[in-house]
Each structure stands twice: as C-alpha cells, then as structure tokens.
Amino acid sequence: MFEFNNSPSIKLAEKDAARMRGAVICFRGELLQMQRDDSVAETLHYGTLSPDEGRGIVHFFSGGTTGELVDGDQTRFCGVVTGRWTFQNTI
C-alpha cells in the first residue's frame, strides 16, 4: 500500500516535471470540475484539481468510480506525474 505522507511534494513535481515523470504523488486539494466520459469501454472521468500546496491546476484522468465526489469537494488525490502543461497566453 502506498503511503500518502511519503510521496514527493507537488511543488517538486511543478519544479521539475520531466525528472518526476512516472513518480507517484499524492496531495489534497479542491475538485474544480469533473466529467464522466463514456466514449471508451471502461468508465473514465477527467477533470481539474486545485492543490492546497503549490500553485496552478492539476489535470487528471481517473478510471472506475469516483463515488460521491462533486465539484467543490475537498479531496485527496494520488496519481502518476506525466508532465507539465503550459500556455503561452497566460502570465
């Protein structure tokens, strides 16, 4: 079982996403939005989270059930770092 408290910080993942690729991170934050996608064989959800630490937005994909989670809920998220998205039209 993965220990929530032993994961690298989201700040470290933001700082060097290329080096952190493949690392499991866990953090707490607010679920900003989530939608179900039925275009694939298995149930898939995708959305965005705002972490309590660090800055920015975390985009995620989740397989299976998400229980009773809805937009605005505080939650714990664990996932694998895949990279960093940046947009040229933001400050």
C-alpha atoms as a PDB file:
ATOM      1  CA  MET A   1       0.000   0.000   0.000  1.00  0.00           C
ATOM      2  CA  PHE A   2       1.310   3.441  -0.929  1.00  0.00           C
ATOM      3  CA  GLU A   3       1.904   5.806   1.971  1.00  0.00           C
ATOM      4  CA  PHE A   4       0.264   9.189   1.363  1.00  0.00           C
ATOM      5  CA  ASN A   5       2.813  11.051   3.506  1.00  0.00           C
ATOM      6  CA  ASN A   6       5.842   9.556   1.704  1.00  0.00           C
ATOM      7  CA  SER A   7       5.065  10.895  -1.765  1.00  0.00           C
ATOM      8  CA  PRO A   8       7.101  13.714  -3.321  1.00  0.00           C
ATOM      9  CA  SER A   9       5.540  17.144  -2.959  1.00  0.00           C
ATOM     10  CA  ILE A  10       3.518  18.691  -5.738  1.00  0.00           C
ATOM     11  CA  LYS A  11       5.886  21.674  -5.573  1.00  0.00           C
ATOM     12  CA  LEU A  12       8.756  19.369  -6.561  1.00  0.00           C
ATOM     13  CA  ALA A  13       6.687  17.955  -9.431  1.00  0.00           C
ATOM     14  CA  GLU A  14       5.888  21.508 -10.611  1.00  0.00           C
ATOM     15  CA  LYS A  15       9.558  22.478 -10.410  1.00  0.00           C
ATOM     16  CA  ASP A  16      10.892  19.580 -12.486  1.00  0.00           C
ATOM     17  CA  ALA A  17       8.088  17.595 -14.124  1.00  0.00           C
ATOM     18  CA  ALA A  18      10.441  15.895 -16.607  1.00  0.00           C
ATOM     19  CA  ARG A  19      12.558  14.407 -13.801  1.00  0.00           C
ATOM     20  CA  MET A  20       9.466  13.486 -11.779  1.00  0.00           C
ATOM     21  CA  ARG A  21       7.724  11.720 -14.717  1.00  0.00           C
ATOM     22  CA  GLY A  22       6.472   8.336 -13.513  1.00  0.00           C
ATOM     23  CA  ALA A  23       6.624   9.255  -9.805  1.00  0.00           C
ATOM     24  CA  VAL A  24       3.515   8.702  -7.706  1.00  0.00           C
ATOM     25  CA  ILE A  25       2.401  11.879  -5.943  1.00  0.00           C
ATOM     26  CA  CYS A  26      -0.440  12.416  -3.519  1.00  0.00           C
ATOM     27  CA  PHE A  27      -1.892  15.706  -2.393  1.00  0.00           C
ATOM     28  CA  ARG A  28      -5.012  17.324  -1.017  1.00  0.00           C
ATOM     29  CA  GLY A  29      -6.979  19.939  -2.867  1.00  0.00           C
ATOM     30  CA  GLU A  30     -10.290  21.177  -4.209  1.00  0.00           C
ATOM     31  CA  LEU A  31     -12.036  19.384  -7.056  1.00  0.00           C
ATOM     32  CA  LEU A  32     -12.786  22.176  -9.525  1.00  0.00           C
ATOM     33  CA  GLN A  33     -14.556  20.126 -12.153  1.00  0.00           C
ATOM     34  CA  MET A  34     -15.039  16.523 -13.182  1.00  0.00           C
ATOM     35  CA  GLN A  35     -16.899  14.890 -16.044  1.00  0.00           C
ATOM     36  CA  ARG A  36     -17.683  11.311 -16.982  1.00  0.00           C
ATOM     37  CA  ASP A  37     -16.603  10.125 -20.432  1.00  0.00           C
ATOM     38  CA  ASP A  38     -18.499   7.152 -21.854  1.00  0.00           C
ATOM     39  CA  SER A  39     -16.720   7.174 -25.228  1.00  0.00           C
ATOM     40  CA  VAL A  40     -14.425   4.337 -24.114  1.00  0.00           C
ATOM     41  CA  ALA A  41     -15.259   0.796 -22.974  1.00  0.00           C
ATOM     42  CA  GLU A  42     -14.402   1.417 -19.299  1.00  0.00           C
ATOM     43  CA  THR A  43     -15.761   4.271 -17.191  1.00  0.00           C
ATOM     44  CA  LEU A  44     -13.406   7.244 -17.342  1.00  0.00           C
ATOM     45  CA  HIS A  45     -13.576  10.587 -15.553  1.00  0.00           C
ATOM     46  CA  TYR A  46     -11.456  13.628 -16.267  1.00  0.00           C
ATOM     47  CA  GLY A  47     -11.172  16.972 -14.576  1.00  0.00           C
ATOM     48  CA  THR A  48      -9.108  19.537 -12.726  1.00  0.00           C
ATOM     49  CA  LEU A  49      -7.972  19.969  -9.152  1.00  0.00           C
ATOM     50  CA  SER A  50      -6.535  22.952  -7.290  1.00  0.00           C
ATOM     51  CA  PRO A  51      -3.860  21.686  -4.874  1.00  0.00           C
ATOM     52  CA  ASP A  52      -3.699  23.045  -1.314  1.00  0.00           C
ATOM     53  CA  GLU A  53       0.075  23.436  -1.701  1.00  0.00           C
ATOM     54  CA  GLY A  54       1.863  24.766  -4.722  1.00  0.00           C
ATOM     55  CA  ARG A  55       0.027  26.702  -7.372  1.00  0.00           C
ATOM     56  CA  GLY A  56      -1.749  26.101 -10.598  1.00  0.00           C
ATOM     57  CA  ILE A  57      -4.161  23.437 -11.697  1.00  0.00           C
ATOM     58  CA  VAL A  58      -3.730  19.672 -11.922  1.00  0.00           C
ATOM     59  CA  HIS A  59      -5.459  17.883 -14.801  1.00  0.00           C
ATOM     60  CA  PHE A  60      -6.364  14.246 -14.181  1.00  0.00           C
ATOM     61  CA  PHE A  61      -7.921  11.143 -15.675  1.00  0.00           C
ATOM     62  CA  SER A  62      -9.497   8.563 -13.387  1.00  0.00           C
ATOM     63  CA  GLY A  63     -10.708   5.072 -14.189  1.00  0.00           C
ATOM     64  CA  GLY A  64     -13.601   3.425 -12.385  1.00  0.00           C
ATOM     65  CA  THR A  65     -15.894   5.009  -9.858  1.00  0.00           C
ATOM     66  CA  THR A  66     -15.399   8.378  -8.207  1.00  0.00           C
ATOM     67  CA  GLY A  67     -18.002   7.735  -5.524  1.00  0.00           C
ATOM     68  CA  GLU A  68     -19.854  10.802  -4.282  1.00  0.00           C
ATOM     69  CA  LEU A  69     -17.211  13.387  -5.282  1.00  0.00           C
ATOM     70  CA  VAL A  70     -18.610  16.515  -6.925  1.00  0.00           C
ATOM     71  CA  ASP A  71     -17.253  19.898  -7.972  1.00  0.00           C
ATOM     72  CA  GLY A  72     -16.147  21.959  -4.971  1.00  0.00           C
ATOM     73  CA  ASP A  73     -15.330  18.985  -2.712  1.00  0.00           C
ATOM     74  CA  GLN A  74     -12.054  18.813  -0.807  1.00  0.00           C
ATOM     75  CA  THR A  75     -10.337  15.540  -1.636  1.00  0.00           C
ATOM     76  CA  ARG A  76      -7.122  13.572  -1.593  1.00  0.00           C
ATOM     77  CA  PHE A  77      -5.662  12.631  -4.965  1.00  0.00           C
ATOM     78  CA  CYS A  78      -2.910  10.167  -5.824  1.00  0.00           C
ATOM     79  CA  GLY A  79      -1.609   9.811  -9.361  1.00  0.00           C
ATOM     80  CA  VAL A  80       1.421   9.489 -11.606  1.00  0.00           C
ATOM     81  CA  VAL A  81       3.268  12.548 -12.894  1.00  0.00           C
ATOM     82  CA  THR A  82       3.136  12.592 -16.710  1.00  0.00           C
ATOM     83  CA  GLY A  83       4.388  16.092 -17.464  1.00  0.00           C
ATOM     84  CA  ARG A  84       3.575  19.752 -17.285  1.00  0.00           C
ATOM     85  CA  TRP A  85       1.227  21.772 -19.473  1.00  0.00           C
ATOM     86  CA  THR A  86       1.979  25.416 -20.116  1.00  0.00           C
ATOM     87  CA  PHE A  87       0.084  28.008 -22.080  1.00  0.00           C
ATOM     88  CA  GLN A  88       1.735  30.933 -23.839  1.00  0.00           C
ATOM     89  CA  ASN A  89      -1.248  33.227 -23.336  1.00  0.00           C
ATOM     90  CA  THR A  90      -1.051  33.188 -19.509  1.00  0.00           C
ATOM     91  CA  ILE A  91       1.114  35.123 -17.110  1.00  0.00           C
END
